[in-house]
């Protein structure tokens, strides 16, 4: 309890909106990096077909999975709530 009798309030609507905007910008940036990285790695530079072939699909699947796994692992390791090792 506060000694002066004032109730503590949460973040303002402006702060919440700012955090939501920052999170959305982060997600867009992560999606763009993921797409660019996996596309460069998995898709042949000379387009032969309009659709991805089986090897490209498999590569893109694995690349995407690894990208999210590493991103989540790094986020967890940098988390302030992480217990000490």
PDB file of N, CA and C in Angstrom:
ATOM      1  N   UNK A   1       0.832  -1.190   0.000  1.00  0.00           N
ATOM      2  CA  UNK A   1       0.000   0.000   0.000  1.00  0.00           C
ATOM      3  C   UNK A   1       0.869   1.242   0.000  1.00  0.00           C
ATOM      4  N   UNK A   2       0.398   2.237  -0.652  1.00  0.00           N
ATOM      5  CA  UNK A   2       1.130   3.489  -0.686  1.00  0.00           C
ATOM      6  C   UNK A   2       0.851   4.261   0.592  1.00  0.00           C
ATOM      7  N   UNK A   3       1.886   4.885   1.124  1.00  0.00           N
ATOM      8  CA  UNK A   3       1.726   5.585   2.394  1.00  0.00           C
ATOM      9  C   UNK A   3       0.942   6.888   2.251  1.00  0.00           C
ATOM     10  N   UNK A   4       0.894   7.438   1.038  1.00  0.00           N
ATOM     11  CA  UNK A   4       0.189   8.705   0.866  1.00  0.00           C
ATOM     12  C   UNK A   4      -1.287   8.504   0.512  1.00  0.00           C
ATOM     13  N   UNK A   5      -1.742   7.247   0.417  1.00  0.00           N
ATOM     14  CA  UNK A   5      -3.143   6.983   0.162  1.00  0.00           C
ATOM     15  C   UNK A   5      -3.512   6.974  -1.304  1.00  0.00           C
ATOM     16  N   UNK A   6      -2.569   7.280  -2.193  1.00  0.00           N
ATOM     17  CA  UNK A   6      -2.857   7.290  -3.629  1.00  0.00           C
ATOM     18  C   UNK A   6      -2.776   5.866  -4.183  1.00  0.00           C
ATOM     19  N   UNK A   7      -3.712   5.540  -5.033  1.00  0.00           N
ATOM     20  CA  UNK A   7      -3.718   4.212  -5.655  1.00  0.00           C
ATOM     21  C   UNK A   7      -2.737   4.214  -6.824  1.00  0.00           C
ATOM     22  N   UNK A   8      -2.034   3.115  -6.964  1.00  0.00           N
ATOM     23  CA  UNK A   8      -1.113   3.016  -8.097  1.00  0.00           C
ATOM     24  C   UNK A   8      -1.894   2.601  -9.332  1.00  0.00           C
ATOM     25  N   UNK A   9      -1.545   3.206 -10.430  1.00  0.00           N
ATOM     26  CA  UNK A   9      -2.238   2.901 -11.675  1.00  0.00           C
ATOM     27  C   UNK A   9      -1.282   2.210 -12.620  1.00  0.00           C
ATOM     28  N   UNK A  10      -1.838   1.504 -13.585  1.00  0.00           N
ATOM     29  CA  UNK A  10      -1.047   0.815 -14.592  1.00  0.00           C
ATOM     30  C   UNK A  10      -0.575   1.788 -15.651  1.00  0.00           C
ATOM     31  N   UNK A  11      -0.009   1.248 -16.689  1.00  0.00           N
ATOM     32  CA  UNK A  11       0.474   2.107 -17.779  1.00  0.00           C
ATOM     33  C   UNK A  11      -0.689   2.829 -18.454  1.00  0.00           C
ATOM     34  N   UNK A  12      -0.387   4.002 -18.978  1.00  0.00           N
ATOM     35  CA  UNK A  12      -1.421   4.786 -19.646  1.00  0.00           C
ATOM     36  C   UNK A  12      -1.752   4.159 -20.998  1.00  0.00           C
ATOM     37  N   UNK A  13      -2.850   4.591 -21.576  1.00  0.00           N
ATOM     38  CA  UNK A  13      -3.265   4.083 -22.884  1.00  0.00           C
ATOM     39  C   UNK A  13      -2.213   4.408 -23.934  1.00  0.00           C
ATOM     40  N   UNK A  14      -1.581   5.563 -23.807  1.00  0.00           N
ATOM     41  CA  UNK A  14      -0.531   5.958 -24.749  1.00  0.00           C
ATOM     42  C   UNK A  14       0.679   5.030 -24.645  1.00  0.00           C
ATOM     43  N   UNK A  15       1.043   4.648 -23.422  1.00  0.00           N
ATOM     44  CA  UNK A  15       2.158   3.724 -23.223  1.00  0.00           C
ATOM     45  C   UNK A  15       1.836   2.346 -23.793  1.00  0.00           C
ATOM     46  N   UNK A  16       0.624   1.884 -23.552  1.00  0.00           N
ATOM     47  CA  UNK A  16       0.200   0.578 -24.062  1.00  0.00           C
ATOM     48  C   UNK A  16       0.219   0.583 -25.585  1.00  0.00           C
ATOM     49  N   UNK A  17      -0.281   1.654 -26.179  1.00  0.00           N
ATOM     50  CA  UNK A  17      -0.283   1.777 -27.634  1.00  0.00           C
ATOM     51  C   UNK A  17       1.150   1.803 -28.180  1.00  0.00           C
ATOM     52  N   UNK A  18       2.034   2.516 -27.508  1.00  0.00           N
ATOM     53  CA  UNK A  18       3.434   2.574 -27.913  1.00  0.00           C
ATOM     54  C   UNK A  18       4.098   1.216 -27.855  1.00  0.00           C
ATOM     55  N   UNK A  19       3.828   0.456 -26.795  1.00  0.00           N
ATOM     56  CA  UNK A  19       4.384  -0.890 -26.671  1.00  0.00           C
ATOM     57  C   UNK A  19       3.831  -1.819 -27.746  1.00  0.00           C
ATOM     58  N   UNK A  20       2.540  -1.715 -28.022  1.00  0.00           N
ATOM     59  CA  UNK A  20       1.929  -2.546 -29.059  1.00  0.00           C
ATOM     60  C   UNK A  20       2.512  -2.208 -30.429  1.00  0.00           C
ATOM     61  N   UNK A  21       2.738  -0.943 -30.690  1.00  0.00           N
ATOM     62  CA  UNK A  21       3.329  -0.515 -31.952  1.00  0.00           C
ATOM     63  C   UNK A  21       4.760  -1.038 -32.085  1.00  0.00           C
ATOM     64  N   UNK A  22       5.535  -0.939 -31.017  1.00  0.00           N
ATOM     65  CA  UNK A  22       6.914  -1.443 -31.038  1.00  0.00           C
ATOM     66  C   UNK A  22       6.930  -2.947 -31.270  1.00  0.00           C
ATOM     67  N   UNK A  23       6.019  -3.669 -30.632  1.00  0.00           N
ATOM     68  CA  UNK A  23       5.950  -5.119 -30.813  1.00  0.00           C
ATOM     69  C   UNK A  23       5.575  -5.472 -32.253  1.00  0.00           C
ATOM     70  N   UNK A  24       4.641  -4.742 -32.822  1.00  0.00           N
ATOM     71  CA  UNK A  24       4.229  -4.999 -34.202  1.00  0.00           C
ATOM     72  C   UNK A  24       5.381  -4.723 -35.162  1.00  0.00           C
ATOM     73  N   UNK A  25       6.104  -3.628 -34.932  1.00  0.00           N
ATOM     74  CA  UNK A  25       7.261  -3.310 -35.774  1.00  0.00           C
ATOM     75  C   UNK A  25       8.317  -4.406 -35.673  1.00  0.00           C
ATOM     76  N   UNK A  26       8.538  -4.937 -34.465  1.00  0.00           N
ATOM     77  CA  UNK A  26       9.487  -6.027 -34.266  1.00  0.00           C
ATOM     78  C   UNK A  26       9.049  -7.263 -35.046  1.00  0.00           C
ATOM     79  N   UNK A  27       7.771  -7.599 -34.976  1.00  0.00           N
ATOM     80  CA  UNK A  27       7.267  -8.791 -35.672  1.00  0.00           C
ATOM     81  C   UNK A  27       7.374  -8.642 -37.188  1.00  0.00           C
ATOM     82  N   UNK A  28       7.090  -7.453 -37.695  1.00  0.00           N
ATOM     83  CA  UNK A  28       7.213  -7.211 -39.143  1.00  0.00           C
ATOM     84  C   UNK A  28       8.671  -7.340 -39.560  1.00  0.00           C
ATOM     85  N   UNK A  29       9.571  -6.753 -38.767  1.00  0.00           N
ATOM     86  CA  UNK A  29      11.002  -6.844 -39.076  1.00  0.00           C
ATOM     87  C   UNK A  29      11.475  -8.290 -39.033  1.00  0.00           C
ATOM     88  N   UNK A  30      11.035  -9.048 -38.015  1.00  0.00           N
ATOM     89  CA  UNK A  30      11.426 -10.451 -37.909  1.00  0.00           C
ATOM     90  C   UNK A  30      10.893 -11.253 -39.102  1.00  0.00           C
ATOM     91  N   UNK A  31       9.658 -11.011 -39.497  1.00  0.00           N
ATOM     92  CA  UNK A  31       9.084 -11.713 -40.648  1.00  0.00           C
ATOM     93  C   UNK A  31       9.867 -11.396 -41.918  1.00  0.00           C
ATOM     94  N   UNK A  32      10.214 -10.121 -42.112  1.00  0.00           N
ATOM     95  CA  UNK A  32      10.975  -9.725 -43.300  1.00  0.00           C
ATOM     96  C   UNK A  32      12.358 -10.369 -43.316  1.00  0.00           C
ATOM     97  N   UNK A  33      13.032 -10.407 -42.168  1.00  0.00           N
ATOM     98  CA  UNK A  33      14.350 -11.050 -42.088  1.00  0.00           C
ATOM     99  C   UNK A  33      14.232 -12.544 -42.352  1.00  0.00           C
ATOM    100  N   UNK A  34      13.240 -13.172 -41.753  1.00  0.00           N
ATOM    101  CA  UNK A  34      13.008 -14.598 -41.948  1.00  0.00           C
ATOM    102  C   UNK A  34      12.772 -14.910 -43.411  1.00  0.00           C
ATOM    103  N   UNK A  35      11.906 -14.150 -44.035  1.00  0.00           N
ATOM    104  CA  UNK A  35      11.581 -14.373 -45.446  1.00  0.00           C
ATOM    105  C   UNK A  35      12.811 -14.191 -46.322  1.00  0.00           C
ATOM    106  N   UNK A  36      13.534 -13.110 -46.100  1.00  0.00           N
ATOM    107  CA  UNK A  36      14.722 -12.824 -46.915  1.00  0.00           C
ATOM    108  C   UNK A  36      15.796 -13.897 -46.717  1.00  0.00           C
ATOM    109  N   UNK A  37      16.067 -14.260 -45.455  1.00  0.00           N
ATOM    110  CA  UNK A  37      17.098 -15.247 -45.149  1.00  0.00           C
ATOM    111  C   UNK A  37      16.768 -16.608 -45.746  1.00  0.00           C
ATOM    112  N   UNK A  38      15.557 -17.091 -45.495  1.00  0.00           N
ATOM    113  CA  UNK A  38      15.181 -18.420 -45.974  1.00  0.00           C
ATOM    114  C   UNK A  38      15.007 -18.435 -47.495  1.00  0.00           C
ATOM    115  N   UNK A  39      14.514 -17.363 -48.072  1.00  0.00           N
ATOM    116  CA  UNK A  39      14.372 -17.299 -49.525  1.00  0.00           C
ATOM    117  C   UNK A  39      15.744 -17.369 -50.186  1.00  0.00           C
ATOM    118  N   UNK A  40      16.692 -16.567 -49.689  1.00  0.00           N
ATOM    119  CA  UNK A  40      18.041 -16.569 -50.262  1.00  0.00           C
ATOM    120  C   UNK A  40      18.715 -17.922 -50.120  1.00  0.00           C
ATOM    121  N   UNK A  41      18.448 -18.600 -49.016  1.00  0.00           N
ATOM    122  CA  UNK A  41      19.077 -19.894 -48.761  1.00  0.00           C
ATOM    123  C   UNK A  41      18.432 -21.024 -49.560  1.00  0.00           C
ATOM    124  N   UNK A  42      17.129 -20.989 -49.725  1.00  0.00           N
ATOM    125  CA  UNK A  42      16.403 -22.163 -50.213  1.00  0.00           C
ATOM    126  C   UNK A  42      15.933 -22.096 -51.666  1.00  0.00           C
ATOM    127  N   UNK A  43      15.719 -20.932 -52.195  1.00  0.00           N
ATOM    128  CA  UNK A  43      15.124 -20.830 -53.525  1.00  0.00           C
ATOM    129  C   UNK A  43      16.222 -20.604 -54.562  1.00  0.00           C
ATOM    130  N   UNK A  44      16.172 -21.404 -55.610  1.00  0.00           N
ATOM    131  CA  UNK A  44      17.153 -21.277 -56.675  1.00  0.00           C
ATOM    132  C   UNK A  44      17.073 -19.896 -57.302  1.00  0.00           C
ATOM    133  N   UNK A  45      18.218 -19.388 -57.702  1.00  0.00           N
ATOM    134  CA  UNK A  45      18.268 -18.027 -58.255  1.00  0.00           C
ATOM    135  C   UNK A  45      17.644 -17.947 -59.645  1.00  0.00           C
ATOM    136  N   UNK A  46      17.720 -19.025 -60.384  1.00  0.00           N
ATOM    137  CA  UNK A  46      17.109 -19.059 -61.717  1.00  0.00           C
ATOM    138  C   UNK A  46      15.751 -19.749 -61.598  1.00  0.00           C
ATOM    139  N   UNK A  47      14.711 -18.987 -61.776  1.00  0.00           N
ATOM    140  CA  UNK A  47      13.361 -19.529 -61.645  1.00  0.00           C
ATOM    141  C   UNK A  47      13.036 -20.394 -62.849  1.00  0.00           C
ATOM    142  N   UNK A  48      12.679 -21.648 -62.573  1.00  0.00           N
ATOM    143  CA  UNK A  48      12.306 -22.563 -63.648  1.00  0.00           C
ATOM    144  C   UNK A  48      10.795 -22.796 -63.659  1.00  0.00           C
ATOM    145  N   UNK A  49      10.193 -22.666 -62.484  1.00  0.00           N
ATOM    146  CA  UNK A  49       8.764 -22.942 -62.341  1.00  0.00           C
ATOM    147  C   UNK A  49       8.114 -21.820 -61.532  1.00  0.00           C
ATOM    148  N   UNK A  50       6.816 -21.731 -61.662  1.00  0.00           N
ATOM    149  CA  UNK A  50       6.079 -20.709 -60.910  1.00  0.00           C
ATOM    150  C   UNK A  50       5.934 -21.077 -59.437  1.00  0.00           C
ATOM    151  N   UNK A  51       5.954 -22.360 -59.132  1.00  0.00           N
ATOM    152  CA  UNK A  51       5.779 -22.857 -57.764  1.00  0.00           C
ATOM    153  C   UNK A  51       7.107 -23.382 -57.222  1.00  0.00           C
ATOM    154  N   UNK A  52       7.217 -23.417 -55.890  1.00  0.00           N
ATOM    155  CA  UNK A  52       8.392 -24.024 -55.267  1.00  0.00           C
ATOM    156  C   UNK A  52       8.344 -25.536 -55.468  1.00  0.00           C
ATOM    157  N   UNK A  53       9.498 -26.138 -55.704  1.00  0.00           N
ATOM    158  CA  UNK A  53       9.509 -27.597 -55.812  1.00  0.00           C
ATOM    159  C   UNK A  53       9.707 -28.205 -54.425  1.00  0.00           C
ATOM    160  N   UNK A  54       9.636 -29.534 -54.343  1.00  0.00           N
ATOM    161  CA  UNK A  54       9.634 -30.233 -53.056  1.00  0.00           C
ATOM    162  C   UNK A  54      10.875 -29.901 -52.216  1.00  0.00           C
ATOM    163  N   UNK A  55      12.046 -29.867 -52.831  1.00  0.00           N
ATOM    164  CA  UNK A  55      13.272 -29.564 -52.092  1.00  0.00           C
ATOM    165  C   UNK A  55      13.253 -28.158 -51.514  1.00  0.00           C
ATOM    166  N   UNK A  56      12.768 -27.193 -52.283  1.00  0.00           N
ATOM    167  CA  UNK A  56      12.684 -25.815 -51.806  1.00  0.00           C
ATOM    168  C   UNK A  56      11.680 -25.701 -50.660  1.00  0.00           C
ATOM    169  N   UNK A  57      10.547 -26.394 -50.787  1.00  0.00           N
ATOM    170  CA  UNK A  57       9.546 -26.383 -49.712  1.00  0.00           C
ATOM    171  C   UNK A  57      10.118 -26.956 -48.426  1.00  0.00           C
ATOM    172  N   UNK A  58      10.811 -28.079 -48.534  1.00  0.00           N
ATOM    173  CA  UNK A  58      11.401 -28.717 -47.352  1.00  0.00           C
ATOM    174  C   UNK A  58      12.446 -27.810 -46.714  1.00  0.00           C
ATOM    175  N   UNK A  59      13.298 -27.218 -47.547  1.00  0.00           N
ATOM    176  CA  UNK A  59      14.330 -26.312 -47.049  1.00  0.00           C
ATOM    177  C   UNK A  59      13.693 -25.119 -46.338  1.00  0.00           C
ATOM    178  N   UNK A  60      12.661 -24.544 -46.953  1.00  0.00           N
ATOM    179  CA  UNK A  60      11.988 -23.383 -46.369  1.00  0.00           C
ATOM    180  C   UNK A  60      11.345 -23.756 -45.034  1.00  0.00           C
ATOM    181  N   UNK A  61      10.757 -24.940 -44.968  1.00  0.00           N
ATOM    182  CA  UNK A  61      10.167 -25.437 -43.716  1.00  0.00           C
ATOM    183  C   UNK A  61      11.218 -25.537 -42.615  1.00  0.00           C
ATOM    184  N   UNK A  62      12.345 -26.183 -42.912  1.00  0.00           N
ATOM    185  CA  UNK A  62      13.411 -26.353 -41.925  1.00  0.00           C
ATOM    186  C   UNK A  62      14.009 -25.005 -41.525  1.00  0.00           C
ATOM    187  N   UNK A  63      14.233 -24.140 -42.502  1.00  0.00           N
ATOM    188  CA  UNK A  63      14.812 -22.821 -42.235  1.00  0.00           C
ATOM    189  C   UNK A  63      13.899 -22.004 -41.316  1.00  0.00           C
ATOM    190  N   UNK A  64      12.621 -22.000 -41.612  1.00  0.00           N
ATOM    191  CA  UNK A  64      11.653 -21.259 -40.800  1.00  0.00           C
ATOM    192  C   UNK A  64      11.609 -21.801 -39.379  1.00  0.00           C
ATOM    193  N   UNK A  65      11.579 -23.116 -39.263  1.00  0.00           N
ATOM    194  CA  UNK A  65      11.535 -23.752 -37.953  1.00  0.00           C
ATOM    195  C   UNK A  65      12.775 -23.393 -37.133  1.00  0.00           C
ATOM    196  N   UNK A  66      13.940 -23.485 -37.737  1.00  0.00           N
ATOM    197  CA  UNK A  66      15.185 -23.160 -37.032  1.00  0.00           C
ATOM    198  C   UNK A  66      15.235 -21.680 -36.666  1.00  0.00           C
ATOM    199  N   UNK A  67      14.768 -20.823 -37.553  1.00  0.00           N
ATOM    200  CA  UNK A  67      14.783 -19.384 -37.296  1.00  0.00           C
ATOM    201  C   UNK A  67      13.949 -19.063 -36.060  1.00  0.00           C
ATOM    202  N   UNK A  68      12.740 -19.623 -35.976  1.00  0.00           N
ATOM    203  CA  UNK A  68      11.886 -19.370 -34.813  1.00  0.00           C
ATOM    204  C   UNK A  68      12.466 -19.996 -33.553  1.00  0.00           C
ATOM    205  N   UNK A  69      13.041 -21.187 -33.671  1.00  0.00           N
ATOM    206  CA  UNK A  69      13.639 -21.856 -32.521  1.00  0.00           C
ATOM    207  C   UNK A  69      14.767 -21.005 -31.939  1.00  0.00           C
ATOM    208  N   UNK A  70      15.654 -20.528 -32.803  1.00  0.00           N
ATOM    209  CA  UNK A  70      16.779 -19.706 -32.349  1.00  0.00           C
ATOM    210  C   UNK A  70      16.288 -18.375 -31.799  1.00  0.00           C
ATOM    211  N   UNK A  71      15.329 -17.745 -32.461  1.00  0.00           N
ATOM    212  CA  UNK A  71      14.798 -16.472 -31.990  1.00  0.00           C
ATOM    213  C   UNK A  71      14.183 -16.626 -30.595  1.00  0.00           C
ATOM    214  N   UNK A  72      13.415 -17.691 -30.388  1.00  0.00           N
ATOM    215  CA  UNK A  72      12.815 -17.938 -29.071  1.00  0.00           C
ATOM    216  C   UNK A  72      13.874 -18.248 -28.021  1.00  0.00           C
ATOM    217  N   UNK A  73      14.902 -19.012 -28.396  1.00  0.00           N
ATOM    218  CA  UNK A  73      15.971 -19.348 -27.462  1.00  0.00           C
ATOM    219  C   UNK A  73      16.730 -18.095 -27.033  1.00  0.00           C
ATOM    220  N   UNK A  74      17.086 -17.261 -27.984  1.00  0.00           N
ATOM    221  CA  UNK A  74      17.798 -16.020 -27.662  1.00  0.00           C
ATOM    222  C   UNK A  74      16.914 -15.113 -26.798  1.00  0.00           C
ATOM    223  N   UNK A  75      15.635 -15.006 -27.148  1.00  0.00           N
ATOM    224  CA  UNK A  75      14.720 -14.208 -26.339  1.00  0.00           C
ATOM    225  C   UNK A  75      14.637 -14.713 -24.917  1.00  0.00           C
ATOM    226  N   UNK A  76      14.602 -16.031 -24.754  1.00  0.00           N
ATOM    227  CA  UNK A  76      14.544 -16.626 -23.419  1.00  0.00           C
ATOM    228  C   UNK A  76      15.832 -16.339 -22.648  1.00  0.00           C
ATOM    229  N   UNK A  77      16.979 -16.484 -23.329  1.00  0.00           N
ATOM    230  CA  UNK A  77      18.262 -16.259 -22.663  1.00  0.00           C
ATOM    231  C   UNK A  77      18.457 -14.796 -22.269  1.00  0.00           C
ATOM    232  N   UNK A  78      17.877 -13.882 -23.012  1.00  0.00           N
ATOM    233  CA  UNK A  78      18.009 -12.462 -22.702  1.00  0.00           C
ATOM    234  C   UNK A  78      16.904 -11.948 -21.792  1.00  0.00           C
ATOM    235  N   UNK A  79      15.967 -12.805 -21.443  1.00  0.00           N
ATOM    236  CA  UNK A  79      14.838 -12.409 -20.608  1.00  0.00           C
ATOM    237  C   UNK A  79      15.312 -12.013 -19.211  1.00  0.00           C
ATOM    238  N   UNK A  80      14.783 -10.929 -18.672  1.00  0.00           N
ATOM    239  CA  UNK A  80      15.187 -10.527 -17.317  1.00  0.00           C
ATOM    240  C   UNK A  80      14.669 -11.481 -16.247  1.00  0.00           C
ATOM    241  N   UNK A  81      13.658 -12.276 -16.543  1.00  0.00           N
ATOM    242  CA  UNK A  81      13.094 -13.211 -15.577  1.00  0.00           C
ATOM    243  C   UNK A  81      13.795 -14.561 -15.581  1.00  0.00           C
ATOM    244  N   UNK A  82      14.845 -14.689 -16.392  1.00  0.00           N
ATOM    245  CA  UNK A  82      15.571 -15.949 -16.512  1.00  0.00           C
ATOM    246  C   UNK A  82      16.299 -16.254 -15.212  1.00  0.00           C
ATOM    247  N   UNK A  83      16.166 -17.482 -14.703  1.00  0.00           N
ATOM    248  CA  UNK A  83      16.883 -17.830 -13.475  1.00  0.00           C
ATOM    249  C   UNK A  83      18.391 -17.890 -13.743  1.00  0.00           C
ATOM    250  N   UNK A  84      19.219 -17.542 -12.757  1.00  0.00           N
ATOM    251  CA  UNK A  84      20.667 -17.580 -12.946  1.00  0.00           C
ATOM    252  C   UNK A  84      21.160 -19.006 -13.169  1.00  0.00           C
ATOM    253  N   UNK A  85      22.237 -19.121 -13.910  1.00  0.00           N
ATOM    254  CA  UNK A  85      22.803 -20.451 -14.196  1.00  0.00           C
ATOM    255  C   UNK A  85      23.745 -20.860 -13.097  1.00  0.00           C
TER     256      UNK A  85
END
